[in-house]
């Protein structure tokens, strides 16, 4: 499943890795590129 996620702050950083581990394709967006870096 393809999922879009807006906001990679405290909540997003807890959810997005679990979605990826579950085999989903996740496209994320955040105002600050540095917060998205650990997920790239």
C-alpha atoms as a PDB file:
ATOM      1  CA  UNK A   1       0.000   0.000   0.000  1.00  0.00           C
ATOM      2  CA  UNK A   2       1.211   3.524  -0.767  1.00  0.00           C
ATOM      3  CA  UNK A   3       0.802   6.000   2.097  1.00  0.00           C
ATOM      4  CA  UNK A   4       1.446   9.751   2.286  1.00  0.00           C
ATOM      5  CA  UNK A   5       2.434  11.177   5.665  1.00  0.00           C
ATOM      6  CA  UNK A   6       2.580  14.873   6.520  1.00  0.00           C
ATOM      7  CA  UNK A   7       4.627  15.826   9.560  1.00  0.00           C
ATOM      8  CA  UNK A   8       7.660  13.873  10.672  1.00  0.00           C
ATOM      9  CA  UNK A   9       7.938  15.234  14.189  1.00  0.00           C
ATOM     10  CA  UNK A  10       7.651  13.176  17.367  1.00  0.00           C
ATOM     11  CA  UNK A  11       4.480  11.395  16.294  1.00  0.00           C
ATOM     12  CA  UNK A  12       5.482  10.846  12.675  1.00  0.00           C
ATOM     13  CA  UNK A  13       8.868   9.442  13.644  1.00  0.00           C
ATOM     14  CA  UNK A  14       7.065   6.816  15.707  1.00  0.00           C
ATOM     15  CA  UNK A  15       4.541   5.847  13.042  1.00  0.00           C
ATOM     16  CA  UNK A  16       6.429   6.003   9.738  1.00  0.00           C
ATOM     17  CA  UNK A  17       9.169   3.453  10.581  1.00  0.00           C
ATOM     18  CA  UNK A  18       6.459   0.959  11.592  1.00  0.00           C
ATOM     19  CA  UNK A  19       4.636   1.491   8.308  1.00  0.00           C
ATOM     20  CA  UNK A  20       7.855   0.934   6.361  1.00  0.00           C
ATOM     21  CA  UNK A  21       8.661  -2.184   8.406  1.00  0.00           C
ATOM     22  CA  UNK A  22       5.171  -3.439   7.576  1.00  0.00           C
ATOM     23  CA  UNK A  23       6.032  -3.333   3.872  1.00  0.00           C
ATOM     24  CA  UNK A  24       4.214  -0.118   2.965  1.00  0.00           C
ATOM     25  CA  UNK A  25       5.630   2.513   0.626  1.00  0.00           C
ATOM     26  CA  UNK A  26       5.620   5.821   2.502  1.00  0.00           C
ATOM     27  CA  UNK A  27       6.032   9.290   1.021  1.00  0.00           C
ATOM     28  CA  UNK A  28       6.670  11.840   3.737  1.00  0.00           C
ATOM     29  CA  UNK A  29       6.749  15.615   3.919  1.00  0.00           C
ATOM     30  CA  UNK A  30       8.024  17.881   6.633  1.00  0.00           C
ATOM     31  CA  UNK A  31       8.779  21.616   6.777  1.00  0.00           C
ATOM     32  CA  UNK A  32      12.290  20.871   8.005  1.00  0.00           C
ATOM     33  CA  UNK A  33      14.313  18.543   5.784  1.00  0.00           C
ATOM     34  CA  UNK A  34      16.645  17.612   8.668  1.00  0.00           C
ATOM     35  CA  UNK A  35      13.804  15.878  10.545  1.00  0.00           C
ATOM     36  CA  UNK A  36      13.139  13.632   7.562  1.00  0.00           C
ATOM     37  CA  UNK A  37      16.810  12.652   7.174  1.00  0.00           C
ATOM     38  CA  UNK A  38      16.709   9.602   9.530  1.00  0.00           C
ATOM     39  CA  UNK A  39      13.972   8.044   7.378  1.00  0.00           C
ATOM     40  CA  UNK A  40      15.734   8.469   4.036  1.00  0.00           C
END
